[in-house]
Amino acid sequence: MVAHYSPGWAFKITDELSRRVRLSEGMAAEQTLHAAAVERAIETLRMFRAFCAANGVKRILPVATAAVRDAANQAEFLQRVRAETGLKLSVISGEEEACLGALGAIHATGLRHGLVLDVGGGSAEVSRVRAGRFRRGVTSPLGAVRLTELYLHGERMRASDVRRLADHIASTLQMLDWMKLEKGERFVGLGGTVRALTKIDRELRGYPLGLMNGYELELARLDKLVSRLRELPVSERARKIPALQPDRADIILAGAMVVAEAMRRAGAETLLVSGQGLREGLLYREFFGRAEGHAADDLREFAVLNLARLYGYDTVHADHVARLALSLFDQLEGLHGYGRWERECLWAAAQLHDIGMVVDYYDHHKHSAYIILGSGLPGYSHREIALIAALCLYHRKGRPALSAAADVFEKGDMERLLRLGACLRLAEYLDRSRAQAVSGLRVEASGNRVKLTVQAHARAEANVEVWEAQRNADLFESAFRRKLEIAL
């Protein structure tokens, strides 16, 4: 993973090169890295090293996890890697691996209290998070490749082998007496197995958004998928199960069984998916400093500002539109009855409404919405991301609609979109000249009318703003069912 970042300001993942090495393949019996796996690893590391050089990467953080950590021939492997690639691999402990994975999950989902599960090829890590920080973590030999080699042999699954594997997973997790969710806590999953299961589940249910991070995987649906995988021969899985990659078809059942049993053990009906993990954890540790488990003070605010900064937004205009929109929201509370949640979504939309300008002025509202839906906002739910994108889409014109993402919205969100959209649109036109001529607003509601008095630094300077806002008052009048009068 290649990232560009300005410490403490903004960062961006700019590239990714992926190759499934299966370094733990064949290790289950002797705990020795096999020659074929070693050759694949060396070849891949050479390729990655050359890729970094071509991209001008100044700092490389190469780490090795379970397979190398557990290998009897670890020293020989590390020496050969250093000699043939120039890379000095850092072999991280099980606890550090759990910590870095949890750090990625915290910054991806905004997890404050709960558990994190990371299922890899050689191991699985379980972590406890409290107050947004990693508190403890352990590693267990429950990797998808390792378990497949030990228990699931051949083309078709024998019921006795599957039962033995299920018993082994349950007894291993049983030893983690602290692996139980408390009231209000979330269970977050990450890693290759979780990503693969998410892609399959999204495809099977026709989910309208392409976002991985923040997706909720239900245990009931996962159990049905596990049953389906057990019935199918390995060679038919990728063909009959949508979105399953052929090179993961043989190990997906073992990985899915670990995830499902971990959810049962934790008492979780849903798994919140983190699109970030160990690699991002390494980046965050670099970005925010090496304090263990350190996270952004306000992840949701940071996620919005990070995205805005990456697309070169007009800070002064965005901040002013946000102030005006929130002023309208606060003074209209008696009419809409909304609270902190809606206010936060309105602020985010005000900050991001113009980021589509990086593509083109014309239709920039559409580009803004597309960027938000494509990038996602760590710490925000899919429903919130879709609402923020819709607010940006309609900040200039048009009758707001829930569009293609309607399935993620809930009852009352259409009215929510209309009313928040009305506040954002008025705020946008009240800074039409981008000169911040409007210094404040006063709202007075009486009967079926709302009077909006505009306070300006100089009366003449705000004439355009008042004229444009009044011309675009139709959304406000429709959303609040009141006539709007705007005056200086």
Protein backbone atom coordinates (compact mmCIF):
# COMPACT_ATOMS: atom_id res chain seq x y z
CA MET A 1 0.00 0.00 0.00
CA VAL A 2 1.39 3.40 -1.02
CA ALA A 3 0.30 6.51 0.85
CA HIS A 4 1.17 10.19 0.57
CA TYR A 5 0.70 12.23 3.72
CA SER A 6 1.41 15.52 5.43
CA PRO A 7 1.78 14.64 9.14
CA GLY A 8 -1.20 15.82 11.16
CA TRP A 9 -2.92 17.40 8.14
CA ALA A 10 -4.09 14.96 5.45
CA PHE A 11 -3.22 11.64 3.86
CA LYS A 12 -4.27 9.68 0.81
CA ILE A 13 -3.83 6.08 -0.30
CA THR A 14 -2.44 6.51 -3.80
CA ASP A 15 -1.78 2.96 -4.91
CA GLU A 16 -1.96 -0.67 -3.92
CA LEU A 17 -0.26 -3.76 -5.26
CA SER A 18 -1.63 -7.07 -4.07
CA ARG A 19 -0.48 -10.63 -4.48
CA ARG A 20 -1.69 -13.60 -2.48
CA VAL A 21 1.51 -15.39 -1.45
CA ARG A 22 0.09 -17.92 1.07
CA LEU A 23 3.34 -17.97 2.95
CA SER A 24 1.81 -20.26 5.59
CA GLU A 25 0.91 -22.91 3.00
CA GLY A 26 2.20 -26.31 4.08
CA MET A 27 3.24 -25.11 7.55
CA ALA A 28 0.46 -26.79 9.51
CA ALA A 29 2.38 -30.00 10.18
CA GLU A 30 6.03 -28.94 10.62
CA GLN A 31 5.93 -25.20 11.30
CA THR A 32 8.47 -24.65 8.56
CA LEU A 33 8.22 -22.25 5.64
CA HIS A 34 8.14 -24.42 2.52
CA ALA A 35 10.45 -23.77 -0.40
CA ALA A 36 7.70 -22.96 -2.91
CA ALA A 37 6.07 -20.46 -0.54
CA VAL A 38 9.44 -18.85 0.21
CA GLU A 39 10.14 -18.44 -3.52
CA ARG A 40 6.75 -16.77 -4.02
CA ALA A 41 7.45 -14.43 -1.11
CA ILE A 42 10.92 -13.46 -2.35
CA GLU A 43 9.63 -12.82 -5.87
CA THR A 44 6.75 -10.73 -4.51
CA LEU A 45 9.01 -8.67 -2.23
CA ARG A 46 11.36 -7.96 -5.14
CA MET A 47 8.38 -6.76 -7.15
CA PHE A 48 7.13 -4.59 -4.28
CA ARG A 49 10.60 -3.12 -3.74
CA ALA A 50 10.86 -2.16 -7.41
CA PHE A 51 7.33 -0.72 -7.29
CA CYS A 52 8.27 1.49 -4.33
CA ALA A 53 11.40 2.69 -6.12
CA ALA A 54 9.39 3.54 -9.25
CA ASN A 55 6.90 5.52 -7.14
CA GLY A 56 9.54 7.47 -5.24
CA VAL A 57 8.51 6.05 -1.87
CA LYS A 58 10.76 7.58 0.78
CA ARG A 59 9.91 5.33 3.73
CA ILE A 60 9.08 1.62 3.57
CA LEU A 61 7.54 -0.24 6.51
CA PRO A 62 7.85 -3.97 5.72
CA VAL A 63 6.43 -6.32 8.34
CA ALA A 64 5.97 -10.06 8.69
CA THR A 65 3.18 -11.67 10.69
CA ALA A 66 2.03 -15.14 11.78
CA ALA A 67 3.72 -17.36 9.19
CA VAL A 68 7.20 -15.93 9.76
CA ARG A 69 6.59 -15.45 13.47
CA ASP A 70 5.82 -19.15 13.91
CA ALA A 71 8.36 -20.56 11.45
CA ALA A 72 11.23 -22.71 12.71
CA ASN A 73 13.34 -21.43 9.79
CA GLN A 74 12.50 -17.78 10.45
CA ALA A 75 16.12 -16.58 10.71
CA GLU A 76 17.09 -18.21 7.42
CA PHE A 77 14.11 -16.65 5.66
CA LEU A 78 14.76 -13.15 7.02
CA GLN A 79 18.43 -13.32 6.04
CA ARG A 80 17.54 -14.36 2.52
CA VAL A 81 14.95 -11.59 2.18
CA ARG A 82 17.54 -9.01 3.28
CA ALA A 83 20.16 -10.36 0.88
CA GLU A 84 17.92 -10.68 -2.17
CA THR A 85 15.58 -7.70 -1.80
CA GLY A 86 17.36 -5.21 0.47
CA LEU A 87 14.33 -5.18 2.77
CA LYS A 88 14.66 -5.76 6.50
CA LEU A 89 11.41 -7.36 7.57
CA SER A 90 10.18 -6.55 11.05
CA VAL A 91 8.56 -9.62 12.62
CA ILE A 92 5.79 -8.25 14.80
CA SER A 93 4.42 -10.04 17.83
CA GLY A 94 0.88 -11.38 17.99
CA GLU A 95 -0.14 -8.59 20.34
CA GLU A 96 1.37 -5.92 18.08
CA GLU A 97 -0.39 -7.43 15.08
CA ALA A 98 -3.67 -7.29 16.99
CA CYS A 99 -2.95 -3.69 18.04
CA LEU A 100 -2.20 -2.50 14.50
CA GLY A 101 -5.29 -4.22 13.13
CA ALA A 102 -7.41 -2.65 15.85
CA LEU A 103 -5.86 0.76 15.11
CA GLY A 104 -6.91 0.42 11.47
CA ALA A 105 -10.41 -0.61 12.54
CA ILE A 106 -10.76 2.25 15.03
CA HIS A 107 -9.92 4.80 12.34
CA ALA A 108 -12.12 3.10 9.78
CA THR A 109 -15.29 2.64 11.81
CA GLY A 110 -15.03 5.02 14.76
CA LEU A 111 -15.19 2.07 17.17
CA ARG A 112 -15.20 3.30 20.76
CA HIS A 113 -15.98 0.17 22.75
CA GLY A 114 -16.02 -3.42 21.56
CA LEU A 115 -14.09 -6.26 19.96
CA VAL A 116 -12.06 -6.55 16.77
CA LEU A 117 -11.53 -9.78 14.83
CA ASP A 118 -8.84 -10.10 12.12
CA VAL A 119 -8.83 -13.40 10.21
CA GLY A 120 -5.75 -13.97 8.08
CA GLY A 121 -4.17 -16.98 6.44
CA GLY A 122 -2.04 -18.22 9.33
CA SER A 123 -3.76 -16.75 12.36
CA ALA A 124 -6.67 -14.78 13.74
CA GLU A 125 -6.34 -11.88 16.15
CA VAL A 126 -8.96 -10.78 18.68
CA SER A 127 -8.68 -7.37 20.36
CA ARG A 128 -10.52 -5.44 23.03
CA VAL A 129 -11.09 -1.71 22.44
CA ARG A 130 -12.20 0.72 25.13
CA ALA A 131 -12.60 4.50 24.82
CA GLY A 132 -11.32 4.30 21.26
CA ARG A 133 -8.02 2.69 22.24
CA PHE A 134 -6.54 -0.77 21.99
CA ARG A 135 -6.51 -2.39 25.43
CA ARG A 136 -5.53 -6.01 24.87
CA GLY A 137 -5.20 -8.53 22.06
CA VAL A 138 -4.24 -12.12 21.40
CA THR A 139 -3.41 -14.21 18.38
CA SER A 140 -4.75 -17.73 17.78
CA PRO A 141 -3.80 -20.30 15.11
CA LEU A 142 -7.18 -19.89 13.41
CA GLY A 143 -6.01 -18.72 10.00
CA ALA A 144 -8.01 -19.80 6.95
CA VAL A 145 -5.07 -21.46 5.18
CA ARG A 146 -3.83 -23.25 8.31
CA LEU A 147 -7.28 -24.64 9.21
CA THR A 148 -8.01 -25.73 5.64
CA GLU A 149 -4.79 -27.74 5.56
CA LEU A 150 -5.47 -29.35 8.92
CA TYR A 151 -9.15 -30.22 8.54
CA LEU A 152 -10.68 -29.73 5.09
CA HIS A 153 -9.10 -32.03 2.56
CA GLY A 154 -10.18 -32.89 -0.96
CA GLU A 155 -12.77 -31.63 -3.39
CA ARG A 156 -15.86 -32.35 -1.29
CA MET A 157 -16.29 -31.63 2.40
CA ARG A 158 -16.90 -34.60 4.66
CA ALA A 159 -19.37 -33.91 7.47
CA SER A 160 -17.01 -35.43 10.02
CA ASP A 161 -14.15 -33.10 9.00
CA VAL A 162 -16.38 -30.05 9.16
CA ARG A 163 -17.59 -31.08 12.63
CA ARG A 164 -14.00 -31.55 13.84
CA LEU A 165 -13.08 -28.10 12.54
CA ALA A 166 -16.15 -26.52 14.15
CA ASP A 167 -15.28 -28.13 17.49
CA HIS A 168 -11.66 -26.96 17.23
CA ILE A 169 -12.68 -23.35 16.49
CA ALA A 170 -15.21 -23.33 19.34
CA SER A 171 -12.79 -24.79 21.89
CA THR A 172 -10.02 -22.38 20.87
CA LEU A 173 -12.26 -19.32 21.20
CA GLN A 174 -13.69 -20.69 24.45
CA MET A 175 -10.36 -19.97 26.10
CA LEU A 176 -10.90 -16.24 25.57
CA ASP A 177 -13.11 -15.64 28.58
CA TRP A 178 -13.15 -11.86 27.88
CA MET A 179 -14.43 -12.27 24.31
CA LYS A 180 -17.97 -11.17 25.11
CA LEU A 181 -19.68 -7.98 24.03
CA GLU A 182 -21.06 -5.74 26.73
CA LYS A 183 -24.12 -3.54 26.33
CA GLY A 184 -23.69 -0.94 23.58
CA GLU A 185 -20.47 -2.45 22.21
CA ARG A 186 -19.78 -3.37 18.57
CA PHE A 187 -18.00 -6.31 16.98
CA VAL A 188 -15.74 -5.25 14.10
CA GLY A 189 -14.18 -7.60 11.56
CA LEU A 190 -11.32 -7.12 9.11
CA GLY A 191 -8.89 -9.07 6.97
CA GLY A 192 -9.04 -10.98 3.69
CA THR A 193 -11.68 -13.47 4.80
CA VAL A 194 -14.04 -10.76 6.07
CA ARG A 195 -13.59 -8.71 2.89
CA ALA A 196 -14.34 -11.75 0.74
CA LEU A 197 -17.47 -12.60 2.74
CA THR A 198 -18.64 -8.99 2.49
CA LYS A 199 -18.30 -8.94 -1.29
CA ILE A 200 -20.30 -12.15 -1.55
CA ASP A 201 -23.04 -10.95 0.80
CA ARG A 202 -23.36 -7.58 -0.96
CA GLU A 203 -23.76 -9.32 -4.29
CA LEU A 204 -26.28 -11.88 -3.03
CA ARG A 205 -28.56 -9.24 -1.54
CA GLY A 206 -28.14 -6.64 -4.30
CA TYR A 207 -26.78 -4.00 -1.95
CA PRO A 208 -26.96 -0.55 -3.60
CA LEU A 209 -23.63 0.88 -2.38
CA GLY A 210 -20.18 -0.31 -3.36
CA LEU A 211 -18.68 0.56 0.02
CA MET A 212 -16.82 -2.08 2.00
CA ASN A 213 -16.04 -0.10 5.12
CA GLY A 214 -19.03 0.22 7.43
CA TYR A 215 -20.97 -2.68 5.88
CA GLU A 216 -22.92 -4.82 8.35
CA LEU A 217 -22.65 -8.59 7.92
CA GLU A 218 -25.48 -10.48 9.62
CA LEU A 219 -24.80 -13.79 11.38
CA ALA A 220 -28.04 -15.32 10.06
CA ARG A 221 -26.99 -14.64 6.47
CA LEU A 222 -23.42 -15.81 7.15
CA ASP A 223 -24.67 -19.12 8.54
CA LYS A 224 -26.65 -19.71 5.34
CA LEU A 225 -23.54 -18.99 3.27
CA VAL A 226 -21.47 -21.43 5.38
CA SER A 227 -24.08 -24.14 4.73
CA ARG A 228 -23.95 -23.40 1.00
CA LEU A 229 -20.14 -23.58 0.96
CA ARG A 230 -20.21 -26.93 2.77
CA GLU A 231 -22.49 -28.39 0.09
CA LEU A 232 -20.44 -27.26 -2.92
CA PRO A 233 -17.31 -28.96 -4.24
CA VAL A 234 -14.31 -26.64 -4.10
CA SER A 235 -14.07 -26.45 -7.91
CA GLU A 236 -17.66 -25.17 -8.20
CA ARG A 237 -17.64 -22.54 -5.45
CA ALA A 238 -16.29 -19.60 -7.48
CA ARG A 239 -18.66 -20.40 -10.35
CA LYS A 240 -21.80 -20.71 -8.23
CA ILE A 241 -21.18 -18.11 -5.55
CA PRO A 242 -21.09 -14.55 -6.92
CA ALA A 243 -18.07 -12.33 -6.16
CA LEU A 244 -15.99 -15.24 -4.77
CA GLN A 245 -12.49 -15.14 -6.25
CA PRO A 246 -11.22 -18.51 -7.56
CA ASP A 247 -7.94 -18.28 -5.61
CA ARG A 248 -9.88 -18.03 -2.35
CA ALA A 249 -12.44 -20.75 -3.06
CA ASP A 250 -10.57 -23.49 -1.20
CA ILE A 251 -10.01 -21.55 2.04
CA ILE A 252 -13.21 -19.48 2.27
CA LEU A 253 -15.19 -22.11 4.20
CA ALA A 254 -12.68 -22.39 7.04
CA GLY A 255 -12.43 -18.60 7.28
CA ALA A 256 -16.20 -18.17 7.25
CA MET A 257 -16.59 -20.74 10.03
CA VAL A 258 -14.11 -18.80 12.19
CA VAL A 259 -16.00 -15.53 11.66
CA ALA A 260 -19.39 -17.11 12.39
CA GLU A 261 -18.22 -18.88 15.54
CA ALA A 262 -16.44 -15.73 16.77
CA MET A 263 -19.70 -13.80 16.37
CA ARG A 264 -21.56 -16.44 18.37
CA ARG A 265 -18.88 -16.42 21.05
CA ALA A 266 -19.02 -12.63 21.30
CA GLY A 267 -22.82 -12.53 21.27
CA ALA A 268 -22.98 -10.46 18.08
CA GLU A 269 -25.82 -10.67 15.57
CA THR A 270 -23.98 -8.37 13.15
CA LEU A 271 -20.35 -7.77 12.26
CA LEU A 272 -19.34 -4.21 11.39
CA VAL A 273 -16.83 -4.48 8.55
CA SER A 274 -13.63 -2.45 8.60
CA GLY A 275 -12.13 -1.75 5.20
CA GLN A 276 -8.83 -1.01 6.92
CA GLY A 277 -6.51 -3.22 8.89
CA LEU A 278 -2.88 -3.82 9.75
CA ARG A 279 -1.36 -1.87 6.84
CA GLU A 280 -3.49 1.17 7.59
CA GLY A 281 -2.65 0.71 11.26
CA LEU A 282 1.02 1.11 10.37
CA LEU A 283 0.18 4.28 8.45
CA TYR A 284 -1.87 5.74 11.30
CA ARG A 285 0.92 5.03 13.75
CA GLU A 286 3.26 6.99 11.50
CA PHE A 287 0.69 9.71 10.80
CA PHE A 288 -0.45 10.38 14.36
CA GLY A 289 2.68 9.32 16.24
CA ARG A 290 3.76 6.10 17.87
CA ALA A 291 1.58 6.29 20.98
CA GLU A 292 0.02 2.85 21.27
CA GLY A 293 -3.53 2.76 19.98
CA HIS A 294 -3.57 6.51 19.30
CA ALA A 295 -6.54 7.73 17.30
CA ALA A 296 -7.77 10.98 15.83
CA ASP A 297 -9.46 13.06 18.53
CA ASP A 298 -12.64 13.34 16.44
CA LEU A 299 -12.59 10.74 13.69
CA ARG A 300 -15.77 11.94 11.96
CA GLU A 301 -14.54 15.52 11.76
CA PHE A 302 -11.12 14.36 10.62
CA ALA A 303 -12.63 12.11 7.92
CA VAL A 304 -14.62 15.01 6.44
CA LEU A 305 -11.74 17.49 6.56
CA ASN A 306 -9.26 14.95 5.22
CA LEU A 307 -11.45 14.32 2.17
CA ALA A 308 -12.07 18.05 1.69
CA ARG A 309 -8.35 18.85 1.91
CA LEU A 310 -7.44 16.16 -0.59
CA TYR A 311 -9.72 17.75 -3.17
CA GLY A 312 -8.48 21.29 -2.59
CA TYR A 313 -11.71 22.75 -1.26
CA ASP A 314 -12.27 26.46 -0.70
CA THR A 315 -11.82 26.48 3.07
CA VAL A 316 -13.17 29.98 3.68
CA HIS A 317 -16.31 29.46 1.57
CA ALA A 318 -17.01 26.00 3.02
CA ASP A 319 -16.60 27.22 6.60
CA HIS A 320 -18.89 30.20 5.94
CA VAL A 321 -21.58 28.06 4.28
CA ALA A 322 -21.36 25.67 7.24
CA ARG A 323 -21.81 28.52 9.73
CA LEU A 324 -24.85 29.88 7.86
CA ALA A 325 -26.42 26.44 7.39
CA LEU A 326 -25.99 25.56 11.06
CA SER A 327 -27.36 28.94 12.12
CA LEU A 328 -30.50 28.25 10.06
CA PHE A 329 -30.71 24.72 11.48
CA ASP A 330 -30.42 25.92 15.08
CA GLN A 331 -32.98 28.70 14.72
CA LEU A 332 -35.45 26.44 12.93
CA GLU A 333 -35.27 23.71 15.59
CA GLY A 334 -38.85 24.39 16.65
CA LEU A 335 -40.02 23.56 13.12
CA HIS A 336 -37.90 20.50 12.35
CA GLY A 337 -37.26 18.97 15.80
CA TYR A 338 -33.92 17.45 14.78
CA GLY A 339 -30.84 17.09 16.95
CA ARG A 340 -27.11 16.54 16.99
CA TRP A 341 -27.09 13.70 14.46
CA GLU A 342 -28.74 15.71 11.69
CA ARG A 343 -26.67 18.79 12.55
CA GLU A 344 -23.47 16.80 12.12
CA CYS A 345 -24.58 15.48 8.70
CA LEU A 346 -25.46 19.03 7.61
CA TRP A 347 -22.03 20.30 8.69
CA ALA A 348 -20.30 17.51 6.77
CA ALA A 349 -22.28 18.27 3.61
CA ALA A 350 -21.50 21.99 3.92
CA GLN A 351 -17.79 21.22 4.09
CA LEU A 352 -17.88 18.82 1.14
CA HIS A 353 -20.51 20.32 -1.15
CA ASP A 354 -18.00 21.82 -3.62
CA ILE A 355 -15.26 19.14 -3.73
CA GLY A 356 -16.58 18.11 -7.16
CA MET A 357 -15.06 21.35 -8.49
CA VAL A 358 -11.83 19.38 -8.83
CA VAL A 359 -13.49 17.59 -11.77
CA ASP A 360 -15.41 20.47 -13.36
CA TYR A 361 -17.58 23.43 -12.39
CA TYR A 362 -20.53 22.25 -14.45
CA ASP A 363 -22.33 19.47 -12.58
CA HIS A 364 -19.87 19.76 -9.71
CA HIS A 365 -22.72 18.88 -7.34
CA LYS A 366 -22.94 15.48 -9.06
CA HIS A 367 -19.19 15.02 -8.87
CA SER A 368 -19.20 15.88 -5.16
CA ALA A 369 -21.84 13.24 -4.45
CA TYR A 370 -19.98 10.65 -6.55
CA ILE A 371 -16.69 11.29 -4.74
CA ILE A 372 -18.33 10.94 -1.32
CA LEU A 373 -20.15 7.71 -2.25
CA GLY A 374 -16.98 6.31 -3.81
CA SER A 375 -14.56 7.32 -1.07
CA GLY A 376 -16.77 6.84 1.98
CA LEU A 377 -16.26 8.65 5.26
CA PRO A 378 -14.62 6.63 8.06
CA GLY A 379 -16.69 6.80 11.22
CA TYR A 380 -19.95 7.44 9.35
CA SER A 381 -22.55 4.76 8.62
CA HIS A 382 -23.63 3.99 5.06
CA ARG A 383 -26.94 5.70 5.74
CA GLU A 384 -25.15 8.85 6.88
CA ILE A 385 -22.76 8.79 3.90
CA ALA A 386 -25.68 8.43 1.48
CA LEU A 387 -27.52 11.32 3.18
CA ILE A 388 -24.46 13.60 3.06
CA ALA A 389 -23.91 12.73 -0.62
CA ALA A 390 -27.56 13.47 -1.42
CA LEU A 391 -27.35 16.84 0.35
CA CYS A 392 -24.33 17.74 -1.78
CA LEU A 393 -26.09 16.52 -4.92
CA TYR A 394 -28.99 18.91 -4.39
CA HIS A 395 -27.20 21.89 -2.87
CA ARG A 396 -27.65 23.97 -6.04
CA LYS A 397 -30.88 22.91 -7.68
CA GLY A 398 -33.41 20.15 -8.22
CA ARG A 399 -35.98 18.41 -6.10
CA PRO A 400 -34.12 16.13 -3.66
CA ALA A 401 -34.77 12.39 -3.98
CA LEU A 402 -33.34 9.33 -2.25
CA SER A 403 -32.12 7.98 -5.60
CA ALA A 404 -30.37 4.65 -6.13
CA ALA A 405 -29.27 4.34 -2.49
CA ALA A 406 -32.86 4.30 -1.22
CA ASP A 407 -32.41 0.88 0.39
CA VAL A 408 -30.03 2.24 3.04
CA PHE A 409 -32.38 5.01 4.16
CA GLU A 410 -34.96 4.77 6.94
CA LYS A 411 -38.43 6.11 7.55
CA GLY A 412 -38.43 9.90 7.76
CA ASP A 413 -35.19 10.35 5.81
CA MET A 414 -36.94 11.87 2.80
CA GLU A 415 -38.28 14.70 4.93
CA ARG A 416 -34.89 14.93 6.64
CA LEU A 417 -33.19 15.33 3.26
CA LEU A 418 -35.65 18.05 2.20
CA ARG A 419 -35.23 20.12 5.36
CA LEU A 420 -31.48 19.78 5.71
CA GLY A 421 -31.15 20.35 1.97
CA ALA A 422 -33.17 23.56 2.28
CA CYS A 423 -30.78 24.87 4.95
CA LEU A 424 -27.73 23.99 2.86
CA ARG A 425 -29.11 25.48 -0.36
CA LEU A 426 -30.04 28.78 1.31
CA ALA A 427 -26.62 28.96 2.97
CA GLU A 428 -24.92 28.34 -0.39
CA TYR A 429 -26.79 31.18 -2.07
CA LEU A 430 -26.24 33.47 0.90
CA ASP A 431 -22.54 33.28 0.01
CA ARG A 432 -23.16 33.46 -3.73
CA SER A 433 -20.34 35.93 -4.33
CA ARG A 434 -17.98 33.94 -2.08
CA ALA A 435 -17.10 37.21 -0.36
CA GLN A 436 -18.66 36.30 3.03
CA ALA A 437 -20.79 39.46 2.78
CA VAL A 438 -23.44 38.00 5.11
CA SER A 439 -22.31 38.25 8.71
CA GLY A 440 -25.34 36.70 10.41
CA LEU A 441 -28.95 35.56 10.18
CA ARG A 442 -32.08 36.00 12.27
CA VAL A 443 -35.06 33.68 11.79
CA GLU A 444 -38.60 34.48 12.93
CA ALA A 445 -41.41 31.96 12.37
CA SER A 446 -45.00 33.12 12.64
CA GLY A 447 -48.06 31.25 11.39
CA ASN A 448 -47.43 30.04 7.88
CA ARG A 449 -44.53 32.42 7.23
CA VAL A 450 -40.83 32.54 8.06
CA LYS A 451 -38.95 35.81 7.96
CA LEU A 452 -35.21 35.60 7.40
CA THR A 453 -33.35 38.80 8.18
CA VAL A 454 -29.87 38.96 6.72
CA GLN A 455 -27.17 40.88 8.56
CA ALA A 456 -24.42 42.16 6.27
CA HIS A 457 -21.06 43.86 6.66
CA ALA A 458 -22.26 46.42 4.10
CA ARG A 459 -25.82 46.51 2.79
CA ALA A 460 -24.92 46.86 -0.88
CA GLU A 461 -22.52 43.95 -0.76
CA ALA A 462 -25.22 41.44 0.21
CA ASN A 463 -27.81 42.40 -2.43
CA VAL A 464 -26.78 39.55 -4.74
CA GLU A 465 -26.94 37.04 -1.87
CA VAL A 466 -30.43 38.08 -0.80
CA TRP A 467 -31.71 38.10 -4.39
CA GLU A 468 -30.26 34.63 -5.16
CA ALA A 469 -31.48 33.14 -1.88
CA GLN A 470 -35.01 34.43 -2.45
CA ARG A 471 -34.96 33.07 -6.01
CA ASN A 472 -34.06 29.64 -4.65
CA ALA A 473 -36.46 29.61 -1.70
CA ASP A 474 -38.77 27.02 -3.28
CA LEU A 475 -37.09 24.03 -1.57
CA PHE A 476 -37.35 25.70 1.83
CA GLU A 477 -41.03 26.53 1.32
CA SER A 478 -41.79 22.97 0.21
CA ALA A 479 -39.80 21.36 3.05
CA PHE A 480 -41.18 23.51 5.86
CA ARG A 481 -44.58 24.27 4.27
CA ARG A 482 -44.19 27.95 4.96
CA LYS A 483 -43.69 31.04 2.85
CA LEU A 484 -40.13 32.43 3.14
CA GLU A 485 -39.43 36.16 3.14
CA ILE A 486 -35.78 37.25 2.99
CA ALA A 487 -34.76 40.82 3.72
CA LEU A 488 -31.73 42.88 4.67
